[in-house]
């Protein structure tokens, strides 16, 4: 009987293999307990998928935080730019020159009379030979009458003198005035400085020109019985509309004049010196420190980072959805196979 079985097996090997496959399929279709399922390879794959999902969620939150920071930077950059536009910074620059445009010096002497006027160089003023007596007038002068720009009723008399030009040679203008009688306790002569004596000469309406100068420039005084030394400096201011205004700053020093005339007199002598303080013209202008090109470059970089972060977040969400669908599909296949 055993030999007959061996012969039958050797005659039908294919049938034997079919039976073995059926046995294996029956074995694979056996339902395993929960403890044995938890220790299989799909469980390990599920834990790795969870870790990947958690890591992706953390990355997504990080990029969302970076996007929020980028949005805040955009808002802060625009706010700073608008604030700098409203509050420009004052810029001061100095330009060195060898010759100034000769300024105009307008004196309002009243009853006083000009005795002498002369240009000197290198700060050298020789002693007065005949103080109180008419001397040499070497300065270019003009006399003009015009109405007061503030009242339009009072007539004003002005003596306009050409100021110094050569700053390297320390050119100065020395003037002497004489006042015989005065009904005041003190005596002084008013004066004002304007930017260009040549503009005054070329002006067809000199009265209107002087009215504009008096309205635009400040006036000062120098007293009798003293030698007043005026050192001028020029300040140019550039306005927002592109126009340019000019004003003078001055340093004044006063030295007592010792009257050495033989007989005591009741008249007053006025001495005044005008020269440039230094060869630098000060230019003042408002500068907006906000550079629009820097802001545009910064905004482009921030928006590029935003788009990259949004693209990464979108890809991360798609990847998470894809992993989730794959996991659900694999789980349904396992459940169907178990069933």
C-alpha atoms as a PDB file:
ATOM      1  CA  UNK A   1       0.000   0.000   0.000  1.00  0.00           C
ATOM      2  CA  UNK A   2       2.901   2.365   0.795  1.00  0.00           C
ATOM      3  CA  UNK A   3       4.561   1.693  -2.518  1.00  0.00           C
ATOM      4  CA  UNK A   4       1.288   2.364  -4.297  1.00  0.00           C
ATOM      5  CA  UNK A   5       1.054   5.772  -2.573  1.00  0.00           C
ATOM      6  CA  UNK A   6       4.623   6.687  -3.569  1.00  0.00           C
ATOM      7  CA  UNK A   7       3.922   5.742  -7.142  1.00  0.00           C
ATOM      8  CA  UNK A   8       0.776   7.874  -7.112  1.00  0.00           C
ATOM      9  CA  UNK A   9       2.636  10.883  -5.745  1.00  0.00           C
ATOM     10  CA  UNK A  10       5.376  10.544  -8.281  1.00  0.00           C
ATOM     11  CA  UNK A  11       2.816  10.312 -11.019  1.00  0.00           C
ATOM     12  CA  UNK A  12       0.914  13.466  -9.871  1.00  0.00           C
ATOM     13  CA  UNK A  13       3.480  16.048  -8.521  1.00  0.00           C
ATOM     14  CA  UNK A  14       1.417  19.035  -9.691  1.00  0.00           C
ATOM     15  CA  UNK A  15      -1.545  17.933  -7.620  1.00  0.00           C
ATOM     16  CA  UNK A  16       0.707  17.764  -4.568  1.00  0.00           C
ATOM     17  CA  UNK A  17       1.938  21.319  -5.092  1.00  0.00           C
ATOM     18  CA  UNK A  18      -1.644  22.539  -5.451  1.00  0.00           C
ATOM     19  CA  UNK A  19      -2.540  20.946  -2.151  1.00  0.00           C
ATOM     20  CA  UNK A  20       0.465  22.602  -0.458  1.00  0.00           C
ATOM     21  CA  UNK A  21      -0.565  26.003  -1.782  1.00  0.00           C
ATOM     22  CA  UNK A  22      -4.077  25.461  -0.442  1.00  0.00           C
ATOM     23  CA  UNK A  23      -2.622  24.619   2.935  1.00  0.00           C
ATOM     24  CA  UNK A  24      -0.530  27.775   2.939  1.00  0.00           C
ATOM     25  CA  UNK A  25      -3.503  29.892   1.947  1.00  0.00           C
ATOM     26  CA  UNK A  26      -5.561  28.332   4.717  1.00  0.00           C
ATOM     27  CA  UNK A  27      -2.759  29.111   7.145  1.00  0.00           C
ATOM     28  CA  UNK A  28      -2.534  32.699   6.000  1.00  0.00           C
ATOM     29  CA  UNK A  29      -6.295  33.128   6.336  1.00  0.00           C
ATOM     30  CA  UNK A  30      -6.235  32.202   9.989  1.00  0.00           C
ATOM     31  CA  UNK A  31      -7.323  35.121  12.240  1.00  0.00           C
ATOM     32  CA  UNK A  32      -4.530  36.123  14.572  1.00  0.00           C
ATOM     33  CA  UNK A  33      -5.162  37.547  18.009  1.00  0.00           C
ATOM     34  CA  UNK A  34      -4.749  41.318  18.741  1.00  0.00           C
ATOM     35  CA  UNK A  35      -1.480  40.815  20.578  1.00  0.00           C
ATOM     36  CA  UNK A  36       0.081  39.191  17.564  1.00  0.00           C
ATOM     37  CA  UNK A  37      -1.248  41.937  15.211  1.00  0.00           C
ATOM     38  CA  UNK A  38       0.306  44.713  17.311  1.00  0.00           C
ATOM     39  CA  UNK A  39       3.763  43.209  16.874  1.00  0.00           C
ATOM     40  CA  UNK A  40       3.667  42.917  13.086  1.00  0.00           C
ATOM     41  CA  UNK A  41       5.389  45.096  10.445  1.00  0.00           C
ATOM     42  CA  UNK A  42       2.296  47.240   9.551  1.00  0.00           C
ATOM     43  CA  UNK A  43       2.249  48.485  13.143  1.00  0.00           C
ATOM     44  CA  UNK A  44       5.863  49.619  12.810  1.00  0.00           C
ATOM     45  CA  UNK A  45       5.066  51.381   9.563  1.00  0.00           C
ATOM     46  CA  UNK A  46       2.109  53.087  11.219  1.00  0.00           C
ATOM     47  CA  UNK A  47       4.298  54.434  14.057  1.00  0.00           C
ATOM     48  CA  UNK A  48       6.824  55.833  11.561  1.00  0.00           C
ATOM     49  CA  UNK A  49       3.999  57.504   9.635  1.00  0.00           C
ATOM     50  CA  UNK A  50       2.748  59.112  12.832  1.00  0.00           C
ATOM     51  CA  UNK A  51       6.183  60.488  13.593  1.00  0.00           C
ATOM     52  CA  UNK A  52       6.455  61.894  10.076  1.00  0.00           C
ATOM     53  CA  UNK A  53       3.037  63.513  10.414  1.00  0.00           C
ATOM     54  CA  UNK A  54       3.931  65.061  13.768  1.00  0.00           C
ATOM     55  CA  UNK A  55       7.195  66.369  12.356  1.00  0.00           C
ATOM     56  CA  UNK A  56       5.370  67.829   9.341  1.00  0.00           C
ATOM     57  CA  UNK A  57       2.842  69.558  11.606  1.00  0.00           C
ATOM     58  CA  UNK A  58       5.697  71.062  13.645  1.00  0.00           C
ATOM     59  CA  UNK A  59       7.382  72.305  10.471  1.00  0.00           C
ATOM     60  CA  UNK A  60       4.092  73.752   9.280  1.00  0.00           C
ATOM     61  CA  UNK A  61       3.643  75.705  12.498  1.00  0.00           C
ATOM     62  CA  UNK A  62       7.235  76.961  12.289  1.00  0.00           C
ATOM     63  CA  UNK A  63       6.694  78.263   8.771  1.00  0.00           C
ATOM     64  CA  UNK A  64       3.404  79.846   9.797  1.00  0.00           C
ATOM     65  CA  UNK A  65       5.297  81.620  12.572  1.00  0.00           C
ATOM     66  CA  UNK A  66       7.903  82.797  10.072  1.00  0.00           C
ATOM     67  CA  UNK A  67       5.143  84.074   7.817  1.00  0.00           C
ATOM     68  CA  UNK A  68       3.669  86.038  10.721  1.00  0.00           C
ATOM     69  CA  UNK A  69       7.110  87.557  11.442  1.00  0.00           C
ATOM     70  CA  UNK A  70       7.501  88.463   7.757  1.00  0.00           C
ATOM     71  CA  UNK A  71       4.094  90.176   7.721  1.00  0.00           C
ATOM     72  CA  UNK A  72       5.060  92.142  10.832  1.00  0.00           C
ATOM     73  CA  UNK A  73       8.335  93.193   9.181  1.00  0.00           C
ATOM     74  CA  UNK A  74       6.430  94.416   6.124  1.00  0.00           C
ATOM     75  CA  UNK A  75       4.121  96.507   8.302  1.00  0.00           C
ATOM     76  CA  UNK A  76       7.039  97.875  10.362  1.00  0.00           C
ATOM     77  CA  UNK A  77       9.065  98.736   7.251  1.00  0.00           C
ATOM     78  CA  UNK A  78       6.199 100.655   5.661  1.00  0.00           C
ATOM     79  CA  UNK A  79       5.476 102.477   8.940  1.00  0.00           C
ATOM     80  CA  UNK A  80       9.136 103.497   9.349  1.00  0.00           C
ATOM     81  CA  UNK A  81       9.263 104.723   5.750  1.00  0.00           C
ATOM     82  CA  UNK A  82       6.175 106.899   6.226  1.00  0.00           C
ATOM     83  CA  UNK A  83       7.553 108.241   9.516  1.00  0.00           C
ATOM     84  CA  UNK A  84      10.870 109.191   7.878  1.00  0.00           C
ATOM     85  CA  UNK A  85       9.006 110.938   5.076  1.00  0.00           C
ATOM     86  CA  UNK A  86       7.217 113.088   7.655  1.00  0.00           C
ATOM     87  CA  UNK A  87      10.382 113.893   9.652  1.00  0.00           C
ATOM     88  CA  UNK A  88      13.366 114.609   7.387  1.00  0.00           C
ATOM     89  CA  UNK A  89      16.834 115.017   8.850  1.00  0.00           C
ATOM     90  CA  UNK A  90      18.626 118.347   8.642  1.00  0.00           C
ATOM     91  CA  UNK A  91      21.914 118.075   6.772  1.00  0.00           C
ATOM     92  CA  UNK A  92      24.677 120.692   7.125  1.00  0.00           C
ATOM     93  CA  UNK A  93      27.514 120.879   4.591  1.00  0.00           C
ATOM     94  CA  UNK A  94      30.359 123.371   4.183  1.00  0.00           C
ATOM     95  CA  UNK A  95      31.794 124.681   0.925  1.00  0.00           C
ATOM     96  CA  UNK A  96      35.139 126.468   0.956  1.00  0.00           C
ATOM     97  CA  UNK A  97      35.518 129.518  -1.279  1.00  0.00           C
ATOM     98  CA  UNK A  98      38.313 132.025  -1.914  1.00  0.00           C
ATOM     99  CA  UNK A  99      36.023 134.920  -2.903  1.00  0.00           C
ATOM    100  CA  UNK A 100      32.569 135.758  -1.657  1.00  0.00           C
ATOM    101  CA  UNK A 101      29.951 137.608  -3.599  1.00  0.00           C
ATOM    102  CA  UNK A 102      30.272 141.055  -2.028  1.00  0.00           C
ATOM    103  CA  UNK A 103      27.387 141.532   0.415  1.00  0.00           C
ATOM    104  CA  UNK A 104      25.424 144.701   0.777  1.00  0.00           C
ATOM    105  CA  UNK A 105      25.526 146.608   4.071  1.00  0.00           C
ATOM    106  CA  UNK A 106      22.586 148.947   4.505  1.00  0.00           C
ATOM    107  CA  UNK A 107      23.073 151.607   7.216  1.00  0.00           C
ATOM    108  CA  UNK A 108      20.294 153.729   8.673  1.00  0.00           C
ATOM    109  CA  UNK A 109      22.377 156.605  10.100  1.00  0.00           C
ATOM    110  CA  UNK A 110      19.581 159.062  10.782  1.00  0.00           C
ATOM    111  CA  UNK A 111      21.320 162.363  11.573  1.00  0.00           C
ATOM    112  CA  UNK A 112      24.764 160.762  11.581  1.00  0.00           C
ATOM    113  CA  UNK A 113      27.157 161.405   8.695  1.00  0.00           C
ATOM    114  CA  UNK A 114      29.639 159.062   7.043  1.00  0.00           C
ATOM    115  CA  UNK A 115      33.162 160.460   7.473  1.00  0.00           C
ATOM    116  CA  UNK A 116      35.336 157.740   5.963  1.00  0.00           C
ATOM    117  CA  UNK A 117      35.164 154.263   4.478  1.00  0.00           C
ATOM    118  CA  UNK A 118      38.097 152.153   3.372  1.00  0.00           C
ATOM    119  CA  UNK A 119      39.016 148.534   2.534  1.00  0.00           C
ATOM    120  CA  UNK A 120      41.931 147.062   4.480  1.00  0.00           C
ATOM    121  CA  UNK A 121      43.678 143.685   4.261  1.00  0.00           C
ATOM    122  CA  UNK A 122      45.259 141.199   6.675  1.00  0.00           C
ATOM    123  CA  UNK A 123      43.364 142.665   9.656  1.00  0.00           C
ATOM    124  CA  UNK A 124      45.585 145.756   9.606  1.00  0.00           C
ATOM    125  CA  UNK A 125      43.798 148.999  10.423  1.00  0.00           C
ATOM    126  CA  UNK A 126      46.162 151.963  10.723  1.00  0.00           C
ATOM    127  CA  UNK A 127      45.542 154.551  13.475  1.00  0.00           C
ATOM    128  CA  UNK A 128      43.147 157.370  12.694  1.00  0.00           C
ATOM    129  CA  UNK A 129      44.957 160.598  11.884  1.00  0.00           C
ATOM    130  CA  UNK A 130      42.104 163.076  12.266  1.00  0.00           C
ATOM    131  CA  UNK A 131      39.235 161.316  14.049  1.00  0.00           C
ATOM    132  CA  UNK A 132      35.984 163.194  13.726  1.00  0.00           C
ATOM    133  CA  UNK A 133      37.104 164.873  10.528  1.00  0.00           C
ATOM    134  CA  UNK A 134      35.990 163.963   7.014  1.00  0.00           C
ATOM    135  CA  UNK A 135      38.332 161.423   5.428  1.00  0.00           C
ATOM    136  CA  UNK A 136      38.631 159.318   2.312  1.00  0.00           C
ATOM    137  CA  UNK A 137      35.609 157.337   1.147  1.00  0.00           C
ATOM    138  CA  UNK A 138      36.968 154.506  -1.003  1.00  0.00           C
ATOM    139  CA  UNK A 139      33.953 152.222  -0.721  1.00  0.00           C
ATOM    140  CA  UNK A 140      31.226 151.865  -3.326  1.00  0.00           C
ATOM    141  CA  UNK A 141      28.120 153.445  -1.805  1.00  0.00           C
ATOM    142  CA  UNK A 142      24.555 154.174  -2.836  1.00  0.00           C
ATOM    143  CA  UNK A 143      21.930 156.308  -1.114  1.00  0.00           C
ATOM    144  CA  UNK A 144      18.268 155.447  -1.367  1.00  0.00           C
ATOM    145  CA  UNK A 145      14.932 156.461   0.129  1.00  0.00           C
ATOM    146  CA  UNK A 146      11.986 154.083   0.411  1.00  0.00           C
ATOM    147  CA  UNK A 147       8.863 153.611   2.488  1.00  0.00           C
ATOM    148  CA  UNK A 148       8.845 151.412   5.531  1.00  0.00           C
ATOM    149  CA  UNK A 149       7.598 147.916   4.445  1.00  0.00           C
ATOM    150  CA  UNK A 150       5.788 147.412   7.759  1.00  0.00           C
ATOM    151  CA  UNK A 151       3.899 150.731   7.966  1.00  0.00           C
ATOM    152  CA  UNK A 152       3.913 151.984   4.326  1.00  0.00           C
ATOM    153  CA  UNK A 153       3.852 155.539   5.719  1.00  0.00           C
ATOM    154  CA  UNK A 154       7.295 156.356   7.143  1.00  0.00           C
ATOM    155  CA  UNK A 155      10.072 157.230   4.714  1.00  0.00           C
ATOM    156  CA  UNK A 156      13.415 155.620   5.455  1.00  0.00           C
ATOM    157  CA  UNK A 157      16.842 156.748   4.373  1.00  0.00           C
ATOM    158  CA  UNK A 158      19.491 154.061   3.780  1.00  0.00           C
ATOM    159  CA  UNK A 159      23.169 154.223   2.907  1.00  0.00           C
ATOM    160  CA  UNK A 160      24.161 151.013   1.116  1.00  0.00           C
ATOM    161  CA  UNK A 161      27.874 150.062   1.143  1.00  0.00           C
ATOM    162  CA  UNK A 162      29.617 147.262  -0.710  1.00  0.00           C
ATOM    163  CA  UNK A 163      31.024 144.695   1.726  1.00  0.00           C
ATOM    164  CA  UNK A 164      34.292 142.695   1.648  1.00  0.00           C
ATOM    165  CA  UNK A 165      34.942 139.906  -0.885  1.00  0.00           C
ATOM    166  CA  UNK A 166      38.456 138.458  -0.559  1.00  0.00           C
ATOM    167  CA  UNK A 167      38.420 136.088   2.371  1.00  0.00           C
ATOM    168  CA  UNK A 168      41.951 134.729   1.875  1.00  0.00           C
ATOM    169  CA  UNK A 169      43.493 138.188   2.224  1.00  0.00           C
ATOM    170  CA  UNK A 170      41.188 138.869   5.189  1.00  0.00           C
ATOM    171  CA  UNK A 171      39.650 141.844   3.468  1.00  0.00           C
ATOM    172  CA  UNK A 172      37.661 144.096   5.771  1.00  0.00           C
ATOM    173  CA  UNK A 173      35.700 147.334   5.483  1.00  0.00           C
ATOM    174  CA  UNK A 174      36.266 150.022   8.092  1.00  0.00           C
ATOM    175  CA  UNK A 175      33.712 152.856   8.425  1.00  0.00           C
ATOM    176  CA  UNK A 176      33.579 155.971  10.580  1.00  0.00           C
ATOM    177  CA  UNK A 177      30.394 157.942  11.301  1.00  0.00           C
ATOM    178  CA  UNK A 178      29.914 161.266  13.047  1.00  0.00           C
ATOM    179  CA  UNK A 179      26.895 162.495  14.965  1.00  0.00           C
ATOM    180  CA  UNK A 180      26.935 166.075  16.196  1.00  0.00           C
ATOM    181  CA  UNK A 181      23.796 166.234  18.300  1.00  0.00           C
ATOM    182  CA  UNK A 182      21.510 163.708  19.797  1.00  0.00           C
ATOM    183  CA  UNK A 183      18.426 164.038  21.980  1.00  0.00           C
ATOM    184  CA  UNK A 184      18.719 160.498  23.372  1.00  0.00           C
ATOM    185  CA  UNK A 185      20.616 159.099  26.322  1.00  0.00           C
ATOM    186  CA  UNK A 186      22.406 156.664  24.014  1.00  0.00           C
ATOM    187  CA  UNK A 187      23.170 156.723  20.318  1.00  0.00           C
ATOM    188  CA  UNK A 188      23.282 153.798  17.886  1.00  0.00           C
ATOM    189  CA  UNK A 189      23.077 153.186  14.161  1.00  0.00           C
ATOM    190  CA  UNK A 190      20.975 150.402  12.686  1.00  0.00           C
ATOM    191  CA  UNK A 191      22.248 148.228   9.851  1.00  0.00           C
ATOM    192  CA  UNK A 192      21.303 145.095   7.975  1.00  0.00           C
ATOM    193  CA  UNK A 193      23.181 142.687   5.707  1.00  0.00           C
ATOM    194  CA  UNK A 194      21.869 141.243   2.449  1.00  0.00           C
ATOM    195  CA  UNK A 195      23.473 138.647   0.222  1.00  0.00           C
ATOM    196  CA  UNK A 196      24.547 140.518  -2.916  1.00  0.00           C
ATOM    197  CA  UNK A 197      25.440 144.161  -3.464  1.00  0.00           C
ATOM    198  CA  UNK A 198      25.565 143.532  -7.231  1.00  0.00           C
ATOM    199  CA  UNK A 199      21.929 142.417  -7.246  1.00  0.00           C
ATOM    200  CA  UNK A 200      21.040 145.702  -5.593  1.00  0.00           C
ATOM    201  CA  UNK A 201      22.962 147.653  -8.280  1.00  0.00           C
ATOM    202  CA  UNK A 202      21.340 145.678 -11.113  1.00  0.00           C
ATOM    203  CA  UNK A 203      17.839 145.957  -9.686  1.00  0.00           C
ATOM    204  CA  UNK A 204      15.625 148.401 -11.634  1.00  0.00           C
ATOM    205  CA  UNK A 205      13.414 148.923  -8.571  1.00  0.00           C
ATOM    206  CA  UNK A 206      15.926 149.581  -5.821  1.00  0.00           C
ATOM    207  CA  UNK A 207      13.275 150.833  -3.392  1.00  0.00           C
ATOM    208  CA  UNK A 208      11.301 147.610  -3.734  1.00  0.00           C
ATOM    209  CA  UNK A 209      14.530 145.630  -3.438  1.00  0.00           C
ATOM    210  CA  UNK A 210      15.340 147.306  -0.121  1.00  0.00           C
ATOM    211  CA  UNK A 211      11.812 146.776   1.138  1.00  0.00           C
ATOM    212  CA  UNK A 212      12.131 143.057   0.404  1.00  0.00           C
ATOM    213  CA  UNK A 213      15.524 142.920   2.131  1.00  0.00           C
ATOM    214  CA  UNK A 214      14.197 144.616   5.242  1.00  0.00           C
ATOM    215  CA  UNK A 215      11.294 142.181   5.310  1.00  0.00           C
ATOM    216  CA  UNK A 216      13.588 139.142   4.905  1.00  0.00           C
ATOM    217  CA  UNK A 217      16.754 139.950   6.886  1.00  0.00           C
ATOM    218  CA  UNK A 218      17.346 140.837  10.520  1.00  0.00           C
ATOM    219  CA  UNK A 219      18.761 144.199  11.550  1.00  0.00           C
ATOM    220  CA  UNK A 220      21.423 144.964  14.163  1.00  0.00           C
ATOM    221  CA  UNK A 221      22.924 148.016  15.908  1.00  0.00           C
ATOM    222  CA  UNK A 222      26.341 149.351  16.766  1.00  0.00           C
ATOM    223  CA  UNK A 223      26.873 152.052  19.364  1.00  0.00           C
ATOM    224  CA  UNK A 224      28.749 155.330  19.422  1.00  0.00           C
ATOM    225  CA  UNK A 225      32.019 155.688  21.292  1.00  0.00           C
ATOM    226  CA  UNK A 226      33.102 152.118  20.531  1.00  0.00           C
ATOM    227  CA  UNK A 227      34.802 150.205  17.777  1.00  0.00           C
ATOM    228  CA  UNK A 228      32.461 147.364  16.798  1.00  0.00           C
ATOM    229  CA  UNK A 229      34.015 144.405  15.009  1.00  0.00           C
ATOM    230  CA  UNK A 230      31.543 142.290  13.001  1.00  0.00           C
ATOM    231  CA  UNK A 231      32.605 138.883  11.671  1.00  0.00           C
ATOM    232  CA  UNK A 232      30.109 137.500   9.191  1.00  0.00           C
ATOM    233  CA  UNK A 233      29.330 133.946   8.079  1.00  0.00           C
ATOM    234  CA  UNK A 234      26.953 132.969   5.303  1.00  0.00           C
ATOM    235  CA  UNK A 235      24.223 130.319   5.655  1.00  0.00           C
ATOM    236  CA  UNK A 236      22.280 129.035   2.672  1.00  0.00           C
ATOM    237  CA  UNK A 237      19.092 127.066   3.271  1.00  0.00           C
ATOM    238  CA  UNK A 238      17.519 124.909   0.567  1.00  0.00           C
ATOM    239  CA  UNK A 239      13.755 124.707   0.880  1.00  0.00           C
ATOM    240  CA  UNK A 240      11.545 121.751  -0.066  1.00  0.00           C
ATOM    241  CA  UNK A 241      10.345 123.490  -3.236  1.00  0.00           C
ATOM    242  CA  UNK A 242      13.937 123.847  -4.486  1.00  0.00           C
ATOM    243  CA  UNK A 243      14.314 127.544  -3.647  1.00  0.00           C
ATOM    244  CA  UNK A 244      17.299 128.824  -1.704  1.00  0.00           C
ATOM    245  CA  UNK A 245      17.318 131.426   1.043  1.00  0.00           C
ATOM    246  CA  UNK A 246      20.402 133.198   2.385  1.00  0.00           C
ATOM    247  CA  UNK A 247      20.989 134.610   5.837  1.00  0.00           C
ATOM    248  CA  UNK A 248      23.928 135.924   7.807  1.00  0.00           C
ATOM    249  CA  UNK A 249      25.273 134.859  11.154  1.00  0.00           C
ATOM    250  CA  UNK A 250      27.602 137.261  12.862  1.00  0.00           C
ATOM    251  CA  UNK A 251      29.920 137.461  15.831  1.00  0.00           C
ATOM    252  CA  UNK A 252      30.285 140.922  17.285  1.00  0.00           C
ATOM    253  CA  UNK A 253      33.004 142.206  19.581  1.00  0.00           C
ATOM    254  CA  UNK A 254      33.087 145.734  21.000  1.00  0.00           C
ATOM    255  CA  UNK A 255      36.217 147.681  21.960  1.00  0.00           C
ATOM    256  CA  UNK A 256      36.114 150.986  23.773  1.00  0.00           C
ATOM    257  CA  UNK A 257      37.381 153.977  21.783  1.00  0.00           C
ATOM    258  CA  UNK A 258      39.581 156.386  23.735  1.00  0.00           C
ATOM    259  CA  UNK A 259      38.861 159.862  22.472  1.00  0.00           C
ATOM    260  CA  UNK A 260      42.180 161.681  22.455  1.00  0.00           C
ATOM    261  CA  UNK A 261      40.908 164.927  20.991  1.00  0.00           C
ATOM    262  CA  UNK A 262      42.088 167.995  22.886  1.00  0.00           C
ATOM    263  CA  UNK A 263      38.746 169.559  23.744  1.00  0.00           C
ATOM    264  CA  UNK A 264      35.872 167.617  25.258  1.00  0.00           C
ATOM    265  CA  UNK A 265      33.084 167.375  22.746  1.00  0.00           C
ATOM    266  CA  UNK A 266      29.438 166.454  22.874  1.00  0.00           C
ATOM    267  CA  UNK A 267      29.448 164.786  19.470  1.00  0.00           C
ATOM    268  CA  UNK A 268      29.622 161.041  18.964  1.00  0.00           C
ATOM    269  CA  UNK A 269      31.941 158.964  16.805  1.00  0.00           C
ATOM    270  CA  UNK A 270      30.973 155.538  15.453  1.00  0.00           C
ATOM    271  CA  UNK A 271      33.486 152.982  14.236  1.00  0.00           C
ATOM    272  CA  UNK A 272      32.522 149.653  12.724  1.00  0.00           C
ATOM    273  CA  UNK A 273      34.493 146.908  10.933  1.00  0.00           C
ATOM    274  CA  UNK A 274      33.027 144.198   8.702  1.00  0.00           C
ATOM    275  CA  UNK A 275      34.924 141.076   7.627  1.00  0.00           C
ATOM    276  CA  UNK A 276      34.248 137.413   6.881  1.00  0.00           C
ATOM    277  CA  UNK A 277      34.666 134.958   9.712  1.00  0.00           C
ATOM    278  CA  UNK A 278      35.940 132.043   7.582  1.00  0.00           C
ATOM    279  CA  UNK A 279      35.972 130.895   3.942  1.00  0.00           C
ATOM    280  CA  UNK A 280      33.209 128.305   4.449  1.00  0.00           C
ATOM    281  CA  UNK A 281      29.667 128.748   3.200  1.00  0.00           C
ATOM    282  CA  UNK A 282      27.277 126.721   5.293  1.00  0.00           C
ATOM    283  CA  UNK A 283      24.505 124.956   3.367  1.00  0.00           C
ATOM    284  CA  UNK A 284      21.512 123.587   5.260  1.00  0.00           C
ATOM    285  CA  UNK A 285      18.949 121.288   3.686  1.00  0.00           C
ATOM    286  CA  UNK A 286      16.445 118.667   4.748  1.00  0.00           C
ATOM    287  CA  UNK A 287      17.290 115.100   3.710  1.00  0.00           C
ATOM    288  CA  UNK A 288      14.865 112.181   3.775  1.00  0.00           C
ATOM    289  CA  UNK A 289      16.848 109.243   5.131  1.00  0.00           C
ATOM    290  CA  UNK A 290      14.293 106.707   3.897  1.00  0.00           C
ATOM    291  CA  UNK A 291      15.562 105.171   0.671  1.00  0.00           C
ATOM    292  CA  UNK A 292      12.670 103.829  -1.431  1.00  0.00           C
ATOM    293  CA  UNK A 293      14.936 101.383  -3.283  1.00  0.00           C
ATOM    294  CA  UNK A 294      16.119  99.793  -0.043  1.00  0.00           C
ATOM    295  CA  UNK A 295      12.539  99.462   1.113  1.00  0.00           C
ATOM    296  CA  UNK A 296      11.479  97.910  -2.224  1.00  0.00           C
ATOM    297  CA  UNK A 297      14.350  95.405  -2.063  1.00  0.00           C
ATOM    298  CA  UNK A 298      13.451  94.495   1.519  1.00  0.00           C
ATOM    299  CA  UNK A 299       9.779  94.069   0.653  1.00  0.00           C
ATOM    300  CA  UNK A 300      10.669  91.897  -2.353  1.00  0.00           C
ATOM    301  CA  UNK A 301      12.764  89.648  -0.130  1.00  0.00           C
ATOM    302  CA  UNK A 302      10.019  89.417   2.482  1.00  0.00           C
ATOM    303  CA  UNK A 303       7.315  88.644  -0.089  1.00  0.00           C
ATOM    304  CA  UNK A 304       9.559  86.029  -1.701  1.00  0.00           C
ATOM    305  CA  UNK A 305       9.986  84.379   1.693  1.00  0.00           C
ATOM    306  CA  UNK A 306       6.213  84.537   2.189  1.00  0.00           C
ATOM    307  CA  UNK A 307       5.535  82.858  -1.136  1.00  0.00           C
ATOM    308  CA  UNK A 308       8.149  80.182  -0.444  1.00  0.00           C
ATOM    309  CA  UNK A 309       6.703  79.561   3.011  1.00  0.00           C
ATOM    310  CA  UNK A 310       3.164  79.389   1.616  1.00  0.00           C
ATOM    311  CA  UNK A 311       4.299  76.995  -1.121  1.00  0.00           C
ATOM    312  CA  UNK A 312       6.042  74.772   1.422  1.00  0.00           C
ATOM    313  CA  UNK A 313       2.976  74.828   3.666  1.00  0.00           C
ATOM    314  CA  UNK A 314       0.751  73.869   0.740  1.00  0.00           C
ATOM    315  CA  UNK A 315       3.055  71.002  -0.255  1.00  0.00           C
ATOM    316  CA  UNK A 316       3.256  69.865   3.370  1.00  0.00           C
ATOM    317  CA  UNK A 317      -0.545  69.785   3.659  1.00  0.00           C
ATOM    318  CA  UNK A 318      -0.839  67.875   0.377  1.00  0.00           C
ATOM    319  CA  UNK A 319       1.791  65.395   1.520  1.00  0.00           C
ATOM    320  CA  UNK A 320       0.019  64.879   4.851  1.00  0.00           C
ATOM    321  CA  UNK A 321      -3.308  64.322   3.086  1.00  0.00           C
ATOM    322  CA  UNK A 322      -1.668  61.860   0.705  1.00  0.00           C
ATOM    323  CA  UNK A 323      -0.027  59.950   3.571  1.00  0.00           C
ATOM    324  CA  UNK A 324      -3.323  59.870   5.424  1.00  0.00           C
ATOM    325  CA  UNK A 325      -5.188  58.524   2.411  1.00  0.00           C
ATOM    326  CA  UNK A 326      -2.503  55.887   1.844  1.00  0.00           C
ATOM    327  CA  UNK A 327      -2.689  54.834   5.462  1.00  0.00           C
ATOM    328  CA  UNK A 328      -6.491  54.574   5.352  1.00  0.00           C
ATOM    329  CA  UNK A 329      -6.314  52.600   2.119  1.00  0.00           C
ATOM    330  CA  UNK A 330      -3.746  50.186   3.581  1.00  0.00           C
ATOM    331  CA  UNK A 331      -5.812  49.778   6.717  1.00  0.00           C
ATOM    332  CA  UNK A 332      -8.960  49.022   4.712  1.00  0.00           C
ATOM    333  CA  UNK A 333      -7.031  46.445   2.674  1.00  0.00           C
ATOM    334  CA  UNK A 334      -5.817  44.750   5.865  1.00  0.00           C
ATOM    335  CA  UNK A 335      -9.310  44.750   7.309  1.00  0.00           C
ATOM    336  CA  UNK A 336     -10.770  43.328   4.093  1.00  0.00           C
ATOM    337  CA  UNK A 337      -8.104  40.633   4.027  1.00  0.00           C
ATOM    338  CA  UNK A 338      -8.816  39.763   7.649  1.00  0.00           C
ATOM    339  CA  UNK A 339     -12.538  39.605   6.933  1.00  0.00           C
END
